[in-house]
Amino acid sequence: AGCSALPLFYKRGPSVALWWLDDYLALDAAQRRATRAALVDWFQWH
């Protein structure tokens, strides 16, 4: 999608990654909250 994809990548990336992890690990509510926060931090670092 070219450079127009960058904002979408960082906005949606944590949600997409969390969805993938949840699909593979069946996370509980506490795990989802902690993992989402960690993913947001990782995308900000990136």
ModelCIF file with pLDDT and N, C-alpha, C, O atoms, coordinates in Angstrom:
data_MODEL
#
_entry.id   MODEL 
#
_entity.id                         1 
_entity.type                       polymer 
_entity.pdbx_number_of_molecules   1 
#
_entity_poly.entity_id                      1 
_entity_poly.type                           'polypeptide(L)' 
_entity_poly.nstd_linkage                   no 
_entity_poly.nstd_monomer                   no 
_entity_poly.pdbx_seq_one_letter_code       AGCSALPLFYKRGPSVALWWLDDYLALDAAQRRATRAALVDWFQWH 
_entity_poly.pdbx_seq_one_letter_code_can   AGCSALPLFYKRGPSVALWWLDDYLALDAAQRRATRAALVDWFQWH 
_entity_poly.pdbx_strand_id                 A 
#
loop_
_entity_poly_seq.entity_id 
_entity_poly_seq.num 
_entity_poly_seq.mon_id 
_entity_poly_seq.hetero 
1 1  ALA n 
1 2  GLY n 
1 3  CYS n 
1 4  SER n 
1 5  ALA n 
1 6  LEU n 
1 7  PRO n 
1 8  LEU n 
1 9  PHE n 
1 10 TYR n 
1 11 LYS n 
1 12 ARG n 
1 13 GLY n 
1 14 PRO n 
1 15 SER n 
1 16 VAL n 
1 17 ALA n 
1 18 LEU n 
1 19 TRP n 
1 20 TRP n 
1 21 LEU n 
1 22 ASP n 
1 23 ASP n 
1 24 TYR n 
1 25 LEU n 
1 26 ALA n 
1 27 LEU n 
1 28 ASP n 
1 29 ALA n 
1 30 ALA n 
1 31 GLN n 
1 32 ARG n 
1 33 ARG n 
1 34 ALA n 
1 35 THR n 
1 36 ARG n 
1 37 ALA n 
1 38 ALA n 
1 39 LEU n 
1 40 VAL n 
1 41 ASP n 
1 42 TRP n 
1 43 PHE n 
1 44 GLN n 
1 45 TRP n 
1 46 HIS n 
#
_struct_asym.id          A 
_struct_asym.entity_id   1 
#
loop_
_ma_qa_metric.id 
_ma_qa_metric.mode 
_ma_qa_metric.name 
_ma_qa_metric.software_group_id 
_ma_qa_metric.type 
1 global pLDDT . pLDDT 
2 local  pLDDT . pLDDT 
#
_ma_qa_metric_global.metric_id      1 
_ma_qa_metric_global.metric_value   87.85 
_ma_qa_metric_global.model_id       1 
_ma_qa_metric_global.ordinal_id     1 
#
loop_
_ma_qa_metric_local.label_asym_id 
_ma_qa_metric_local.label_comp_id 
_ma_qa_metric_local.label_seq_id 
_ma_qa_metric_local.metric_id 
_ma_qa_metric_local.metric_value 
_ma_qa_metric_local.model_id 
_ma_qa_metric_local.ordinal_id 
A ALA 1  2 48.00 1 1  
A GLY 2  2 52.00 1 2  
A CYS 3  2 55.00 1 3  
A SER 4  2 61.00 1 4  
A ALA 5  2 67.00 1 5  
A LEU 6  2 72.00 1 6  
A PRO 7  2 76.00 1 7  
A LEU 8  2 76.00 1 8  
A PHE 9  2 77.00 1 9  
A TYR 10 2 81.00 1 10 
A LYS 11 2 85.00 1 11 
A ARG 12 2 87.00 1 12 
A GLY 13 2 88.00 1 13 
A PRO 14 2 91.00 1 14 
A SER 15 2 91.00 1 15 
A VAL 16 2 89.00 1 16 
A ALA 17 2 91.00 1 17 
A LEU 18 2 94.00 1 18 
A TRP 19 2 93.00 1 19 
A TRP 20 2 93.00 1 20 
A LEU 21 2 95.00 1 21 
A ASP 22 2 96.00 1 22 
A ASP 23 2 96.00 1 23 
A TYR 24 2 96.00 1 24 
A LEU 25 2 97.00 1 25 
A ALA 26 2 97.00 1 26 
A LEU 27 2 97.00 1 27 
A ASP 28 2 97.00 1 28 
A ALA 29 2 97.00 1 29 
A ALA 30 2 96.00 1 30 
A GLN 31 2 96.00 1 31 
A ARG 32 2 96.00 1 32 
A ARG 33 2 96.00 1 33 
A ALA 34 2 95.00 1 34 
A THR 35 2 95.00 1 35 
A ARG 36 2 95.00 1 36 
A ALA 37 2 96.00 1 37 
A ALA 38 2 95.00 1 38 
A LEU 39 2 94.00 1 39 
A VAL 40 2 94.00 1 40 
A ASP 41 2 95.00 1 41 
A TRP 42 2 93.00 1 42 
A PHE 43 2 91.00 1 43 
A GLN 44 2 93.00 1 44 
A TRP 45 2 94.00 1 45 
A HIS 46 2 92.00 1 46 
#
loop_
_atom_site.group_PDB 
_atom_site.id 
_atom_site.type_symbol 
_atom_site.label_atom_id 
_atom_site.label_alt_id 
_atom_site.label_comp_id 
_atom_site.label_asym_id 
_atom_site.label_entity_id 
_atom_site.label_seq_id 
_atom_site.pdbx_PDB_ins_code 
_atom_site.Cartn_x 
_atom_site.Cartn_y 
_atom_site.Cartn_z 
_atom_site.occupancy 
_atom_site.B_iso_or_equiv 
_atom_site.pdbx_formal_charge 
_atom_site.auth_seq_id 
_atom_site.auth_comp_id 
_atom_site.auth_asym_id 
_atom_site.auth_atom_id 
_atom_site.pdbx_PDB_model_num 
ATOM 1   N N  . ALA A 1 1  ? 0.787  -1.226  0.000  1.00 48.00 ? 1  ALA A N  1 
ATOM 2   C CA . ALA A 1 1  ? 0.000  0.000   0.000  1.00 48.00 ? 1  ALA A CA 1 
ATOM 3   C C  . ALA A 1 1  ? 0.822  1.281   0.000  1.00 48.00 ? 1  ALA A C  1 
ATOM 4   O O  . ALA A 1 1  ? 0.251  2.372   0.002  1.00 48.00 ? 1  ALA A O  1 
ATOM 5   N N  . GLY A 1 2  ? 2.141  1.178   -0.003 1.00 52.00 ? 2  GLY A N  1 
ATOM 6   C CA . GLY A 1 2  ? 2.952  2.386   -0.009 1.00 52.00 ? 2  GLY A CA 1 
ATOM 7   C C  . GLY A 1 2  ? 2.929  3.078   1.343  1.00 52.00 ? 2  GLY A C  1 
ATOM 8   O O  . GLY A 1 2  ? 2.507  2.500   2.345  1.00 52.00 ? 2  GLY A O  1 
ATOM 9   N N  . CYS A 1 3  ? 3.388  4.321   1.357  1.00 55.00 ? 3  CYS A N  1 
ATOM 10  C CA . CYS A 1 3  ? 3.561  5.014   2.630  1.00 55.00 ? 3  CYS A CA 1 
ATOM 11  C C  . CYS A 1 3  ? 2.235  5.239   3.341  1.00 55.00 ? 3  CYS A C  1 
ATOM 12  O O  . CYS A 1 3  ? 2.226  5.432   4.557  1.00 55.00 ? 3  CYS A O  1 
ATOM 13  N N  . SER A 1 4  ? 1.116  5.219   2.626  1.00 61.00 ? 4  SER A N  1 
ATOM 14  C CA . SER A 1 4  ? -0.183 5.406   3.269  1.00 61.00 ? 4  SER A CA 1 
ATOM 15  C C  . SER A 1 4  ? -0.490 4.292   4.265  1.00 61.00 ? 4  SER A C  1 
ATOM 16  O O  . SER A 1 4  ? -1.361 4.452   5.120  1.00 61.00 ? 4  SER A O  1 
ATOM 17  N N  . ALA A 1 5  ? 0.217  3.163   4.164  1.00 67.00 ? 5  ALA A N  1 
ATOM 18  C CA . ALA A 1 5  ? -0.036 2.040   5.075  1.00 67.00 ? 5  ALA A CA 1 
ATOM 19  C C  . ALA A 1 5  ? 0.603  2.248   6.435  1.00 67.00 ? 5  ALA A C  1 
ATOM 20  O O  . ALA A 1 5  ? 0.215  1.581   7.394  1.00 67.00 ? 5  ALA A O  1 
ATOM 21  N N  . LEU A 1 6  ? 1.570  3.150   6.554  1.00 72.00 ? 6  LEU A N  1 
ATOM 22  C CA . LEU A 1 6  ? 2.298  3.275   7.816  1.00 72.00 ? 6  LEU A CA 1 
ATOM 23  C C  . LEU A 1 6  ? 1.415  3.650   9.001  1.00 72.00 ? 6  LEU A C  1 
ATOM 24  O O  . LEU A 1 6  ? 1.484  2.978   10.030 1.00 72.00 ? 6  LEU A O  1 
ATOM 25  N N  . PRO A 1 7  ? 0.575  4.704   8.905  1.00 76.00 ? 7  PRO A N  1 
ATOM 26  C CA . PRO A 1 7  ? -0.275 5.010   10.052 1.00 76.00 ? 7  PRO A CA 1 
ATOM 27  C C  . PRO A 1 7  ? -1.173 3.842   10.433 1.00 76.00 ? 7  PRO A C  1 
ATOM 28  O O  . PRO A 1 7  ? -1.361 3.566   11.618 1.00 76.00 ? 7  PRO A O  1 
ATOM 29  N N  . LEU A 1 8  ? -1.728 3.154   9.443  1.00 76.00 ? 8  LEU A N  1 
ATOM 30  C CA . LEU A 1 8  ? -2.595 2.005   9.706  1.00 76.00 ? 8  LEU A CA 1 
ATOM 31  C C  . LEU A 1 8  ? -1.810 0.888   10.371 1.00 76.00 ? 8  LEU A C  1 
ATOM 32  O O  . LEU A 1 8  ? -2.311 0.217   11.274 1.00 76.00 ? 8  LEU A O  1 
ATOM 33  N N  . PHE A 1 9  ? -0.568 0.691   9.918  1.00 77.00 ? 9  PHE A N  1 
ATOM 34  C CA . PHE A 1 9  ? 0.268  -0.373  10.482 1.00 77.00 ? 9  PHE A CA 1 
ATOM 35  C C  . PHE A 1 9  ? 0.464  -0.164  11.976 1.00 77.00 ? 9  PHE A C  1 
ATOM 36  O O  . PHE A 1 9  ? 0.306  -1.101  12.758 1.00 77.00 ? 9  PHE A O  1 
ATOM 37  N N  . TYR A 1 10 ? 0.808  1.060   12.381 1.00 81.00 ? 10 TYR A N  1 
ATOM 38  C CA . TYR A 1 10 ? 1.064  1.306   13.797 1.00 81.00 ? 10 TYR A CA 1 
ATOM 39  C C  . TYR A 1 10 ? -0.218 1.403   14.611 1.00 81.00 ? 10 TYR A C  1 
ATOM 40  O O  . TYR A 1 10 ? -0.219 1.082   15.799 1.00 81.00 ? 10 TYR A O  1 
ATOM 41  N N  . LYS A 1 11 ? -1.310 1.843   13.987 1.00 85.00 ? 11 LYS A N  1 
ATOM 42  C CA . LYS A 1 11 ? -2.590 1.933   14.703 1.00 85.00 ? 11 LYS A CA 1 
ATOM 43  C C  . LYS A 1 11 ? -3.191 0.555   14.926 1.00 85.00 ? 11 LYS A C  1 
ATOM 44  O O  . LYS A 1 11 ? -3.670 0.251   16.018 1.00 85.00 ? 11 LYS A O  1 
ATOM 45  N N  . ARG A 1 12 ? -3.167 -0.271  13.898 1.00 87.00 ? 12 ARG A N  1 
ATOM 46  C CA . ARG A 1 12 ? -3.822 -1.583  13.967 1.00 87.00 ? 12 ARG A CA 1 
ATOM 47  C C  . ARG A 1 12 ? -2.874 -2.710  14.369 1.00 87.00 ? 12 ARG A C  1 
ATOM 48  O O  . ARG A 1 12 ? -3.326 -3.784  14.765 1.00 87.00 ? 12 ARG A O  1 
ATOM 49  N N  . GLY A 1 13 ? -1.570 -2.478  14.274 1.00 88.00 ? 13 GLY A N  1 
ATOM 50  C CA . GLY A 1 13 ? -0.614 -3.550  14.536 1.00 88.00 ? 13 GLY A CA 1 
ATOM 51  C C  . GLY A 1 13 ? -0.804 -4.247  15.866 1.00 88.00 ? 13 GLY A C  1 
ATOM 52  O O  . GLY A 1 13 ? -0.851 -5.477  15.897 1.00 88.00 ? 13 GLY A O  1 
ATOM 53  N N  . PRO A 1 14 ? -0.919 -3.508  16.985 1.00 91.00 ? 14 PRO A N  1 
ATOM 54  C CA . PRO A 1 14 ? -1.107 -4.192  18.272 1.00 91.00 ? 14 PRO A CA 1 
ATOM 55  C C  . PRO A 1 14 ? -2.369 -5.050  18.305 1.00 91.00 ? 14 PRO A C  1 
ATOM 56  O O  . PRO A 1 14 ? -2.360 -6.148  18.862 1.00 91.00 ? 14 PRO A O  1 
ATOM 57  N N  . SER A 1 15 ? -3.453 -4.555  17.711 1.00 91.00 ? 15 SER A N  1 
ATOM 58  C CA . SER A 1 15 ? -4.704 -5.322  17.720 1.00 91.00 ? 15 SER A CA 1 
ATOM 59  C C  . SER A 1 15 ? -4.579 -6.586  16.879 1.00 91.00 ? 15 SER A C  1 
ATOM 60  O O  . SER A 1 15 ? -5.049 -7.650  17.281 1.00 91.00 ? 15 SER A O  1 
ATOM 61  N N  . VAL A 1 16 ? -3.939 -6.472  15.701 1.00 89.00 ? 16 VAL A N  1 
ATOM 62  C CA . VAL A 1 16 ? -3.770 -7.642  14.837 1.00 89.00 ? 16 VAL A CA 1 
ATOM 63  C C  . VAL A 1 16 ? -2.863 -8.677  15.510 1.00 89.00 ? 16 VAL A C  1 
ATOM 64  O O  . VAL A 1 16 ? -3.154 -9.873  15.493 1.00 89.00 ? 16 VAL A O  1 
ATOM 65  N N  . ALA A 1 17 ? -1.762 -8.203  16.100 1.00 91.00 ? 17 ALA A N  1 
ATOM 66  C CA . ALA A 1 17 ? -0.847 -9.131  16.770 1.00 91.00 ? 17 ALA A CA 1 
ATOM 67  C C  . ALA A 1 17 ? -1.522 -9.797  17.960 1.00 91.00 ? 17 ALA A C  1 
ATOM 68  O O  . ALA A 1 17 ? -1.336 -10.991 18.193 1.00 91.00 ? 17 ALA A O  1 
ATOM 69  N N  . LEU A 1 18 ? -2.307 -9.029  18.716 1.00 94.00 ? 18 LEU A N  1 
ATOM 70  C CA . LEU A 1 18 ? -3.017 -9.608  19.858 1.00 94.00 ? 18 LEU A CA 1 
ATOM 71  C C  . LEU A 1 18 ? -4.031 -10.644 19.387 1.00 94.00 ? 18 LEU A C  1 
ATOM 72  O O  . LEU A 1 18 ? -4.164 -11.708 19.991 1.00 94.00 ? 18 LEU A O  1 
ATOM 73  N N  . TRP A 1 19 ? -4.745 -10.332 18.312 1.00 93.00 ? 19 TRP A N  1 
ATOM 74  C CA . TRP A 1 19 ? -5.710 -11.301 17.762 1.00 93.00 ? 19 TRP A CA 1 
ATOM 75  C C  . TRP A 1 19 ? -5.006 -12.600 17.396 1.00 93.00 ? 19 TRP A C  1 
ATOM 76  O O  . TRP A 1 19 ? -5.514 -13.684 17.680 1.00 93.00 ? 19 TRP A O  1 
ATOM 77  N N  . TRP A 1 20 ? -3.826 -12.496 16.761 1.00 93.00 ? 20 TRP A N  1 
ATOM 78  C CA . TRP A 1 20 ? -3.085 -13.687 16.355 1.00 93.00 ? 20 TRP A CA 1 
ATOM 79  C C  . TRP A 1 20 ? -2.652 -14.493 17.580 1.00 93.00 ? 20 TRP A C  1 
ATOM 80  O O  . TRP A 1 20 ? -2.819 -15.712 17.615 1.00 93.00 ? 20 TRP A O  1 
ATOM 81  N N  . LEU A 1 21 ? -2.100 -13.813 18.578 1.00 95.00 ? 21 LEU A N  1 
ATOM 82  C CA . LEU A 1 21 ? -1.659 -14.511 19.791 1.00 95.00 ? 21 LEU A CA 1 
ATOM 83  C C  . LEU A 1 21 ? -2.840 -15.155 20.512 1.00 95.00 ? 21 LEU A C  1 
ATOM 84  O O  . LEU A 1 21 ? -2.738 -16.279 21.004 1.00 95.00 ? 21 LEU A O  1 
ATOM 85  N N  . ASP A 1 22 ? -3.959 -14.437 20.573 1.00 96.00 ? 22 ASP A N  1 
ATOM 86  C CA . ASP A 1 22 ? -5.131 -14.976 21.246 1.00 96.00 ? 22 ASP A CA 1 
ATOM 87  C C  . ASP A 1 22 ? -5.646 -16.226 20.529 1.00 96.00 ? 22 ASP A C  1 
ATOM 88  O O  . ASP A 1 22 ? -6.078 -17.184 21.170 1.00 96.00 ? 22 ASP A O  1 
ATOM 89  N N  . ASP A 1 23 ? -5.597 -16.210 19.201 1.00 96.00 ? 23 ASP A N  1 
ATOM 90  C CA . ASP A 1 23 ? -6.031 -17.366 18.425 1.00 96.00 ? 23 ASP A CA 1 
ATOM 91  C C  . ASP A 1 23 ? -5.186 -18.584 18.741 1.00 96.00 ? 23 ASP A C  1 
ATOM 92  O O  . ASP A 1 23 ? -5.698 -19.701 18.805 1.00 96.00 ? 23 ASP A O  1 
ATOM 93  N N  . TYR A 1 24 ? -3.889 -18.372 18.940 1.00 96.00 ? 24 TYR A N  1 
ATOM 94  C CA . TYR A 1 24 ? -2.986 -19.498 19.189 1.00 96.00 ? 24 TYR A CA 1 
ATOM 95  C C  . TYR A 1 24 ? -2.906 -19.890 20.661 1.00 96.00 ? 24 TYR A C  1 
ATOM 96  O O  . TYR A 1 24 ? -2.580 -21.034 20.978 1.00 96.00 ? 24 TYR A O  1 
ATOM 97  N N  . LEU A 1 25 ? -3.203 -18.946 21.572 1.00 97.00 ? 25 LEU A N  1 
ATOM 98  C CA . LEU A 1 25 ? -2.969 -19.209 22.991 1.00 97.00 ? 25 LEU A CA 1 
ATOM 99  C C  . LEU A 1 25 ? -4.229 -19.178 23.845 1.00 97.00 ? 25 LEU A C  1 
ATOM 100 O O  . LEU A 1 25 ? -4.181 -19.563 25.013 1.00 97.00 ? 25 LEU A O  1 
ATOM 101 N N  . ALA A 1 26 ? -5.367 -18.725 23.291 1.00 97.00 ? 26 ALA A N  1 
ATOM 102 C CA . ALA A 1 26 ? -6.610 -18.633 24.065 1.00 97.00 ? 26 ALA A CA 1 
ATOM 103 C C  . ALA A 1 26 ? -6.371 -17.867 25.369 1.00 97.00 ? 26 ALA A C  1 
ATOM 104 O O  . ALA A 1 26 ? -6.558 -18.408 26.459 1.00 97.00 ? 26 ALA A O  1 
ATOM 105 N N  . LEU A 1 27 ? -5.964 -16.625 25.248 1.00 97.00 ? 27 LEU A N  1 
ATOM 106 C CA . LEU A 1 27 ? -5.597 -15.810 26.400 1.00 97.00 ? 27 LEU A CA 1 
ATOM 107 C C  . LEU A 1 27 ? -6.819 -15.506 27.269 1.00 97.00 ? 27 LEU A C  1 
ATOM 108 O O  . LEU A 1 27 ? -7.941 -15.407 26.773 1.00 97.00 ? 27 LEU A O  1 
ATOM 109 N N  . ASP A 1 28 ? -6.581 -15.363 28.570 1.00 97.00 ? 28 ASP A N  1 
ATOM 110 C CA . ASP A 1 28 ? -7.648 -14.888 29.437 1.00 97.00 ? 28 ASP A CA 1 
ATOM 111 C C  . ASP A 1 28 ? -7.634 -13.360 29.464 1.00 97.00 ? 28 ASP A C  1 
ATOM 112 O O  . ASP A 1 28 ? -6.771 -12.735 28.848 1.00 97.00 ? 28 ASP A O  1 
ATOM 113 N N  . ALA A 1 29 ? -8.582 -12.764 30.173 1.00 97.00 ? 29 ALA A N  1 
ATOM 114 C CA . ALA A 1 29 ? -8.739 -11.304 30.137 1.00 97.00 ? 29 ALA A CA 1 
ATOM 115 C C  . ALA A 1 29 ? -7.495 -10.593 30.645 1.00 97.00 ? 29 ALA A C  1 
ATOM 116 O O  . ALA A 1 29 ? -7.058 -9.613  30.042 1.00 97.00 ? 29 ALA A O  1 
ATOM 117 N N  . ALA A 1 30 ? -6.920 -11.066 31.738 1.00 96.00 ? 30 ALA A N  1 
ATOM 118 C CA . ALA A 1 30 ? -5.732 -10.418 32.297 1.00 96.00 ? 30 ALA A CA 1 
ATOM 119 C C  . ALA A 1 30 ? -4.546 -10.533 31.341 1.00 96.00 ? 30 ALA A C  1 
ATOM 120 O O  . ALA A 1 30 ? -3.789 -9.578  31.171 1.00 96.00 ? 30 ALA A O  1 
ATOM 121 N N  . GLN A 1 31 ? -4.387 -11.686 30.726 1.00 96.00 ? 31 GLN A N  1 
ATOM 122 C CA . GLN A 1 31 ? -3.296 -11.867 29.762 1.00 96.00 ? 31 GLN A CA 1 
ATOM 123 C C  . GLN A 1 31 ? -3.477 -10.959 28.556 1.00 96.00 ? 31 GLN A C  1 
ATOM 124 O O  . GLN A 1 31 ? -2.507 -10.394 28.051 1.00 96.00 ? 31 GLN A O  1 
ATOM 125 N N  . ARG A 1 32 ? -4.714 -10.816 28.093 1.00 96.00 ? 32 ARG A N  1 
ATOM 126 C CA . ARG A 1 32 ? -4.961 -9.929  26.946 1.00 96.00 ? 32 ARG A CA 1 
ATOM 127 C C  . ARG A 1 32 ? -4.611 -8.487  27.275 1.00 96.00 ? 32 ARG A C  1 
ATOM 128 O O  . ARG A 1 32 ? -4.003 -7.792  26.461 1.00 96.00 ? 32 ARG A O  1 
ATOM 129 N N  . ARG A 1 33 ? -4.991 -8.038  28.461 1.00 96.00 ? 33 ARG A N  1 
ATOM 130 C CA . ARG A 1 33 ? -4.680 -6.656  28.835 1.00 96.00 ? 33 ARG A CA 1 
ATOM 131 C C  . ARG A 1 33 ? -3.177 -6.427  28.898 1.00 96.00 ? 33 ARG A C  1 
ATOM 132 O O  . ARG A 1 33 ? -2.669 -5.449  28.349 1.00 96.00 ? 33 ARG A O  1 
ATOM 133 N N  . ALA A 1 34 ? -2.466 -7.328  29.567 1.00 95.00 ? 34 ALA A N  1 
ATOM 134 C CA . ALA A 1 34 ? -1.021 -7.165  29.712 1.00 95.00 ? 34 ALA A CA 1 
ATOM 135 C C  . ALA A 1 34 ? -0.313 -7.274  28.357 1.00 95.00 ? 34 ALA A C  1 
ATOM 136 O O  . ALA A 1 34 ? 0.622  -6.525  28.076 1.00 95.00 ? 34 ALA A O  1 
ATOM 137 N N  . THR A 1 35 ? -0.766 -8.207  27.530 1.00 95.00 ? 35 THR A N  1 
ATOM 138 C CA . THR A 1 35 ? -0.119 -8.408  26.236 1.00 95.00 ? 35 THR A CA 1 
ATOM 139 C C  . THR A 1 35 ? -0.389 -7.238  25.307 1.00 95.00 ? 35 THR A C  1 
ATOM 140 O O  . THR A 1 35 ? 0.502  -6.819  24.569 1.00 95.00 ? 35 THR A O  1 
ATOM 141 N N  . ARG A 1 36 ? -1.603 -6.703  25.330 1.00 95.00 ? 36 ARG A N  1 
ATOM 142 C CA . ARG A 1 36 ? -1.896 -5.545  24.483 1.00 95.00 ? 36 ARG A CA 1 
ATOM 143 C C  . ARG A 1 36 ? -1.018 -4.354  24.873 1.00 95.00 ? 36 ARG A C  1 
ATOM 144 O O  . ARG A 1 36 ? -0.487 -3.661  24.005 1.00 95.00 ? 36 ARG A O  1 
ATOM 145 N N  . ALA A 1 37 ? -0.867 -4.118  26.177 1.00 96.00 ? 37 ALA A N  1 
ATOM 146 C CA . ALA A 1 37 ? -0.015 -3.007  26.624 1.00 96.00 ? 37 ALA A CA 1 
ATOM 147 C C  . ALA A 1 37 ? 1.424  -3.207  26.147 1.00 96.00 ? 37 ALA A C  1 
ATOM 148 O O  . ALA A 1 37 ? 2.080  -2.261  25.712 1.00 96.00 ? 37 ALA A O  1 
ATOM 149 N N  . ALA A 1 38 ? 1.906  -4.447  26.234 1.00 95.00 ? 38 ALA A N  1 
ATOM 150 C CA . ALA A 1 38 ? 3.272  -4.730  25.786 1.00 95.00 ? 38 ALA A CA 1 
ATOM 151 C C  . ALA A 1 38 ? 3.410  -4.539  24.282 1.00 95.00 ? 38 ALA A C  1 
ATOM 152 O O  . ALA A 1 38 ? 4.435  -4.045  23.813 1.00 95.00 ? 38 ALA A O  1 
ATOM 153 N N  . LEU A 1 39 ? 2.398  -4.922  23.525 1.00 94.00 ? 39 LEU A N  1 
ATOM 154 C CA . LEU A 1 39 ? 2.441  -4.757  22.073 1.00 94.00 ? 39 LEU A CA 1 
ATOM 155 C C  . LEU A 1 39 ? 2.410  -3.280  21.685 1.00 94.00 ? 39 LEU A C  1 
ATOM 156 O O  . LEU A 1 39 ? 3.113  -2.866  20.763 1.00 94.00 ? 39 LEU A O  1 
ATOM 157 N N  . VAL A 1 40 ? 1.604  -2.490  22.379 1.00 94.00 ? 40 VAL A N  1 
ATOM 158 C CA . VAL A 1 40 ? 1.585  -1.045  22.117 1.00 94.00 ? 40 VAL A CA 1 
ATOM 159 C C  . VAL A 1 40 ? 2.973  -0.455  22.352 1.00 94.00 ? 40 VAL A C  1 
ATOM 160 O O  . VAL A 1 40 ? 3.454  0.349   21.554 1.00 94.00 ? 40 VAL A O  1 
ATOM 161 N N  . ASP A 1 41 ? 3.614  -0.855  23.447 1.00 95.00 ? 41 ASP A N  1 
ATOM 162 C CA . ASP A 1 41 ? 4.970  -0.370  23.741 1.00 95.00 ? 41 ASP A CA 1 
ATOM 163 C C  . ASP A 1 41 ? 5.942  -0.790  22.641 1.00 95.00 ? 41 ASP A C  1 
ATOM 164 O O  . ASP A 1 41 ? 6.794  -0.005  22.224 1.00 95.00 ? 41 ASP A O  1 
ATOM 165 N N  . TRP A 1 42 ? 5.809  -2.048  22.167 1.00 93.00 ? 42 TRP A N  1 
ATOM 166 C CA . TRP A 1 42 ? 6.736  -2.525  21.142 1.00 93.00 ? 42 TRP A CA 1 
ATOM 167 C C  . TRP A 1 42 ? 6.564  -1.734  19.854 1.00 93.00 ? 42 TRP A C  1 
ATOM 168 O O  . TRP A 1 42 ? 7.555  -1.349  19.232 1.00 93.00 ? 42 TRP A O  1 
ATOM 169 N N  . PHE A 1 43 ? 5.337  -1.488  19.445 1.00 91.00 ? 43 PHE A N  1 
ATOM 170 C CA . PHE A 1 43 ? 5.105  -0.739  18.206 1.00 91.00 ? 43 PHE A CA 1 
ATOM 171 C C  . PHE A 1 43 ? 5.599  0.707   18.337 1.00 91.00 ? 43 PHE A C  1 
ATOM 172 O O  . PHE A 1 43 ? 6.093  1.281   17.366 1.00 91.00 ? 43 PHE A O  1 
ATOM 173 N N  . GLN A 1 44 ? 5.469  1.292   19.520 1.00 93.00 ? 44 GLN A N  1 
ATOM 174 C CA . GLN A 1 44 ? 5.993  2.635   19.724 1.00 93.00 ? 44 GLN A CA 1 
ATOM 175 C C  . GLN A 1 44 ? 7.518  2.636   19.621 1.00 93.00 ? 44 GLN A C  1 
ATOM 176 O O  . GLN A 1 44 ? 8.108  3.529   19.012 1.00 93.00 ? 44 GLN A O  1 
ATOM 177 N N  . TRP A 1 45 ? 8.146  1.630   20.220 1.00 94.00 ? 45 TRP A N  1 
ATOM 178 C CA . TRP A 1 45 ? 9.603  1.505   20.099 1.00 94.00 ? 45 TRP A CA 1 
ATOM 179 C C  . TRP A 1 45 ? 9.996  1.356   18.639 1.00 94.00 ? 45 TRP A C  1 
ATOM 180 O O  . TRP A 1 45 ? 10.950 1.985   18.182 1.00 94.00 ? 45 TRP A O  1 
ATOM 181 N N  . HIS A 1 46 ? 9.265  0.529   17.908 1.00 92.00 ? 46 HIS A N  1 
ATOM 182 C CA . HIS A 1 46 ? 9.599  0.272   16.512 1.00 92.00 ? 46 HIS A CA 1 
ATOM 183 C C  . HIS A 1 46 ? 9.494  1.549   15.687 1.00 92.00 ? 46 HIS A C  1 
ATOM 184 O O  . HIS A 1 46 ? 9.740  1.526   14.481 1.00 92.00 ? 46 HIS A O  1 
#
